[in-house]
């Protein structure tokens, strides 16, 4: 009797508990997948973070869009100014045409650097400010060198070269060399790529070479004493 009762109770327990367990497993199908789901989610978030970080890479030595735009604008200014001056040269008097032909090289270089005045960078604007001072001196050297070319042969034969114009040029070139040094220092400090920096330094090289030419011309003018120039030179 007791054995029959125990068997009956066991059967009833199995009939009640087994369906409940089955229903619980069906009602929570994600219970066994929680660990895998968390791992997948973490991997997705990590991939998203890496992707976001790689969206705008900054590689050392690669030019940034801003400096590329500046160099493009400066190159355009250089070409535009050269074309304008070449056209103007055709209308210059023949006796002073060589003066303008020589000095147009530095006029183009200065005009190109003046394009930096529209930059938002303080150093670039400072470079442009120095170039503007240089540009003023260029007009003065042109006037002085014209005096060399237009000095009459008669006066040159007896009195020699124009010492006053020569002294003015030498004074102007001395000041311009200081300005070139200052611009070169600022270019070294500017926030620009190596190609833009090299382009600007090429303009300075043109300006330096013109100062050397003017100095040589002025010294030759001073050395020209003429027939009687030795009396006061």
Protein backbone atom coordinates (compact mmCIF):
# COMPACT_ATOMS: atom_id res chain seq x y z
CA UNK A 1 0.00 0.00 0.00
CA UNK A 2 2.74 2.44 0.96
CA UNK A 3 4.72 1.58 -2.16
CA UNK A 4 1.74 2.21 -4.40
CA UNK A 5 1.14 5.57 -2.73
CA UNK A 6 4.78 6.69 -3.31
CA UNK A 7 4.63 5.75 -6.97
CA UNK A 8 1.41 7.69 -7.40
CA UNK A 9 2.86 10.83 -5.78
CA UNK A 10 6.02 10.60 -7.99
CA UNK A 11 3.91 10.34 -11.13
CA UNK A 12 1.83 13.37 -10.19
CA UNK A 13 5.00 15.42 -9.46
CA UNK A 14 6.53 14.60 -12.86
CA UNK A 15 3.30 15.45 -14.67
CA UNK A 16 3.14 18.87 -12.99
CA UNK A 17 6.81 19.93 -12.98
CA UNK A 18 7.89 18.79 -16.50
CA UNK A 19 5.39 20.98 -18.47
CA UNK A 20 6.27 23.98 -16.27
CA UNK A 21 9.98 23.62 -17.04
CA UNK A 22 9.27 23.28 -20.76
CA UNK A 23 7.07 26.38 -20.73
CA UNK A 24 9.77 28.38 -18.95
CA UNK A 25 12.40 27.49 -21.59
CA UNK A 26 10.04 28.48 -24.42
CA UNK A 27 9.15 31.77 -22.75
CA UNK A 28 12.84 32.84 -22.43
CA UNK A 29 14.59 31.75 -25.65
CA UNK A 30 17.40 34.34 -25.16
CA UNK A 31 18.47 33.00 -21.81
CA UNK A 32 21.10 30.74 -23.33
CA UNK A 33 22.27 33.39 -25.80
CA UNK A 34 23.00 36.25 -23.36
CA UNK A 35 26.77 35.70 -23.35
CA UNK A 36 27.03 35.54 -27.16
CA UNK A 37 24.76 38.58 -27.59
CA UNK A 38 26.89 40.65 -25.23
CA UNK A 39 30.09 39.67 -27.05
CA UNK A 40 28.61 40.61 -30.46
CA UNK A 41 27.40 43.95 -29.11
CA UNK A 42 30.82 44.77 -27.67
CA UNK A 43 32.50 43.89 -30.97
CA UNK A 44 30.07 46.12 -32.89
CA UNK A 45 30.71 49.06 -30.57
CA UNK A 46 34.48 48.59 -30.83
CA UNK A 47 34.33 48.47 -34.63
CA UNK A 48 32.24 51.64 -34.66
CA UNK A 49 34.79 53.43 -32.49
CA UNK A 50 37.70 52.40 -34.72
CA UNK A 51 35.78 53.49 -37.81
CA UNK A 52 35.05 56.89 -36.30
CA UNK A 53 38.69 57.37 -35.33
CA UNK A 54 39.84 56.50 -38.85
CA UNK A 55 37.41 58.89 -40.53
CA UNK A 56 39.84 61.87 -40.68
CA UNK A 57 43.39 60.56 -40.41
CA UNK A 58 46.23 63.07 -40.01
CA UNK A 59 49.41 61.68 -41.48
CA UNK A 60 52.70 63.44 -40.79
CA UNK A 61 54.15 65.11 -43.88
CA UNK A 62 50.86 65.17 -45.81
CA UNK A 63 49.67 68.63 -46.83
CA UNK A 64 46.37 69.83 -45.39
CA UNK A 65 43.64 71.29 -47.67
CA UNK A 66 44.13 74.82 -46.31
CA UNK A 67 47.79 75.12 -47.25
CA UNK A 68 47.16 73.54 -50.65
CA UNK A 69 44.52 76.19 -51.34
CA UNK A 70 46.90 78.99 -50.29
CA UNK A 71 49.65 77.74 -52.59
CA UNK A 72 47.17 77.40 -55.47
CA UNK A 73 45.98 80.96 -54.97
CA UNK A 74 49.55 82.31 -54.78
CA UNK A 75 50.53 80.48 -57.96
CA UNK A 76 47.52 81.96 -59.73
CA UNK A 77 48.52 85.43 -58.54
CA UNK A 78 52.07 84.88 -59.80
CA UNK A 79 50.90 83.89 -63.29
CA UNK A 80 48.33 86.67 -63.47
CA UNK A 81 50.85 89.37 -62.50
CA UNK A 82 53.44 88.09 -64.95
CA UNK A 83 50.97 88.33 -67.81
CA UNK A 84 49.96 91.88 -66.86
CA UNK A 85 53.55 93.10 -66.62
CA UNK A 86 54.51 91.43 -69.90
CA UNK A 87 51.72 93.37 -71.60
CA UNK A 88 52.71 96.64 -69.92
CA UNK A 89 56.32 96.16 -71.00
CA UNK A 90 55.32 96.58 -74.63
CA UNK A 91 54.26 100.18 -73.98
CA UNK A 92 57.36 101.18 -71.98
CA UNK A 93 59.83 103.56 -73.62
CA UNK A 94 62.66 101.63 -75.31
CA UNK A 95 65.38 103.51 -73.44
CA UNK A 96 64.14 102.25 -70.04
CA UNK A 97 62.59 98.95 -71.13
CA UNK A 98 65.49 96.92 -69.76
CA UNK A 99 64.97 98.52 -66.35
CA UNK A 100 61.39 97.26 -66.22
CA UNK A 101 62.25 93.91 -67.76
CA UNK A 102 64.76 93.25 -64.97
CA UNK A 103 62.68 94.62 -62.14
CA UNK A 104 59.48 92.91 -63.25
CA UNK A 105 60.85 89.65 -61.86
CA UNK A 106 60.92 91.05 -58.33
CA UNK A 107 57.62 92.86 -58.85
CA UNK A 108 55.98 89.51 -59.61
CA UNK A 109 57.57 87.89 -56.56
CA UNK A 110 56.45 90.69 -54.23
CA UNK A 111 52.92 90.70 -55.65
CA UNK A 112 52.72 86.94 -55.13
CA UNK A 113 53.70 87.18 -51.46
CA UNK A 114 51.22 90.03 -50.92
CA UNK A 115 48.50 87.43 -51.47
CA UNK A 116 49.14 86.22 -47.91
CA UNK A 117 47.43 89.33 -46.52
CA UNK A 118 44.06 87.58 -46.94
CA UNK A 119 45.19 84.69 -44.74
CA UNK A 120 43.71 84.13 -41.28
CA UNK A 121 47.16 83.23 -39.96
CA UNK A 122 48.95 86.06 -38.12
CA UNK A 123 52.39 85.02 -39.36
CA UNK A 124 51.23 85.01 -42.99
CA UNK A 125 49.78 88.48 -42.60
CA UNK A 126 53.05 89.67 -41.07
CA UNK A 127 54.96 88.30 -44.07
CA UNK A 128 52.62 90.23 -46.34
CA UNK A 129 53.11 93.43 -44.31
CA UNK A 130 56.89 93.24 -44.77
CA UNK A 131 56.41 92.50 -48.47
CA UNK A 132 54.31 95.67 -48.79
CA UNK A 133 57.22 97.72 -47.43
CA UNK A 134 59.48 96.00 -49.93
CA UNK A 135 57.03 96.80 -52.73
CA UNK A 136 57.27 100.53 -51.94
CA UNK A 137 61.05 100.39 -52.27
CA UNK A 138 60.78 98.67 -55.66
CA UNK A 139 59.11 101.72 -57.16
CA UNK A 140 61.95 103.89 -55.83
CA UNK A 141 64.67 101.65 -57.27
CA UNK A 142 62.97 101.72 -60.66
CA UNK A 143 63.02 105.53 -60.68
CA UNK A 144 66.69 105.60 -59.61
CA UNK A 145 67.75 103.03 -62.20
CA UNK A 146 65.90 104.96 -64.90
CA UNK A 147 68.23 107.84 -64.12
CA UNK A 148 71.19 105.61 -65.00
CA UNK A 149 69.66 104.81 -68.37
CA UNK A 150 68.57 108.33 -69.25
CA UNK A 151 71.78 110.09 -68.19
CA UNK A 152 73.07 111.84 -71.27
CA UNK A 153 76.26 110.61 -72.87
CA UNK A 154 77.71 114.11 -72.74
CA UNK A 155 77.25 114.39 -68.97
CA UNK A 156 78.47 110.84 -68.41
CA UNK A 157 81.60 111.49 -70.49
CA UNK A 158 82.66 114.51 -68.46
CA UNK A 159 81.05 113.92 -65.01
CA UNK A 160 80.75 110.15 -64.88
CA UNK A 161 77.86 108.20 -63.36
CA UNK A 162 74.93 109.44 -61.28
CA UNK A 163 76.31 109.12 -57.74
CA UNK A 164 73.13 110.35 -56.11
CA UNK A 165 70.92 107.73 -57.78
CA UNK A 166 73.53 105.03 -57.05
CA UNK A 167 73.66 105.94 -53.35
CA UNK A 168 69.86 105.83 -53.16
CA UNK A 169 69.76 102.35 -54.69
CA UNK A 170 72.42 101.05 -52.31
CA UNK A 171 70.46 102.40 -49.37
CA UNK A 172 67.24 100.80 -50.61
CA UNK A 173 68.85 97.42 -51.29
CA UNK A 174 70.39 97.38 -47.80
CA UNK A 175 66.93 97.87 -46.30
CA UNK A 176 65.44 95.26 -48.63
CA UNK A 177 67.96 92.64 -47.54
CA UNK A 178 66.84 93.14 -43.96
CA UNK A 179 63.21 92.74 -45.07
CA UNK A 180 64.08 89.54 -46.94
CA UNK A 181 65.72 88.11 -43.82
CA UNK A 182 62.63 88.95 -41.76
CA UNK A 183 60.28 87.37 -44.30
CA UNK A 184 62.44 84.25 -44.43
CA UNK A 185 62.32 83.98 -40.63
CA UNK A 186 58.53 84.28 -40.66
CA UNK A 187 58.20 81.72 -43.45
CA UNK A 188 60.19 79.24 -41.37
CA UNK A 189 57.67 79.76 -38.55
CA UNK A 190 54.51 79.67 -40.67
CA UNK A 191 52.00 76.84 -40.30
CA UNK A 192 52.32 75.59 -43.87
CA UNK A 193 53.44 72.44 -45.65
CA UNK A 194 56.96 72.04 -47.02
CA UNK A 195 55.93 72.70 -50.63
CA UNK A 196 54.24 76.00 -49.78
CA UNK A 197 57.24 77.03 -47.69
CA UNK A 198 59.58 76.19 -50.58
CA UNK A 199 57.39 78.15 -53.00
CA UNK A 200 57.56 81.25 -50.79
CA UNK A 201 61.31 80.91 -50.37
CA UNK A 202 61.66 80.77 -54.16
CA UNK A 203 60.05 84.22 -54.30
CA UNK A 204 62.56 85.46 -51.73
CA UNK A 205 65.41 84.06 -53.82
CA UNK A 206 64.20 86.07 -56.82
CA UNK A 207 64.07 89.19 -54.66
CA UNK A 208 67.57 88.53 -53.30
CA UNK A 209 69.05 88.10 -56.76
CA UNK A 210 67.52 91.40 -57.86
CA UNK A 211 69.12 93.20 -54.92
CA UNK A 212 72.49 91.78 -55.97
CA UNK A 213 71.97 93.00 -59.55
CA UNK A 214 70.98 96.48 -58.38
CA UNK A 215 73.96 96.72 -56.04
CA UNK A 216 76.36 95.72 -58.81
CA UNK A 217 74.77 98.28 -61.13
CA UNK A 218 74.96 101.05 -58.52
CA UNK A 219 78.60 100.30 -57.70
CA UNK A 220 79.48 100.43 -61.39
CA UNK A 221 77.73 103.79 -61.62
CA UNK A 222 79.77 105.12 -58.73
CA UNK A 223 82.97 103.82 -60.30
CA UNK A 224 82.26 105.71 -63.53
CA UNK A 225 84.19 108.94 -62.89
CA UNK A 226 84.15 110.37 -66.41
CA UNK A 227 86.77 112.83 -67.60
CA UNK A 228 86.50 115.28 -64.72
CA UNK A 229 84.45 113.35 -62.20
CA UNK A 230 87.53 112.64 -60.14
CA UNK A 231 87.46 116.29 -59.05
CA UNK A 232 84.43 115.76 -56.78
CA UNK A 233 84.08 112.00 -56.44
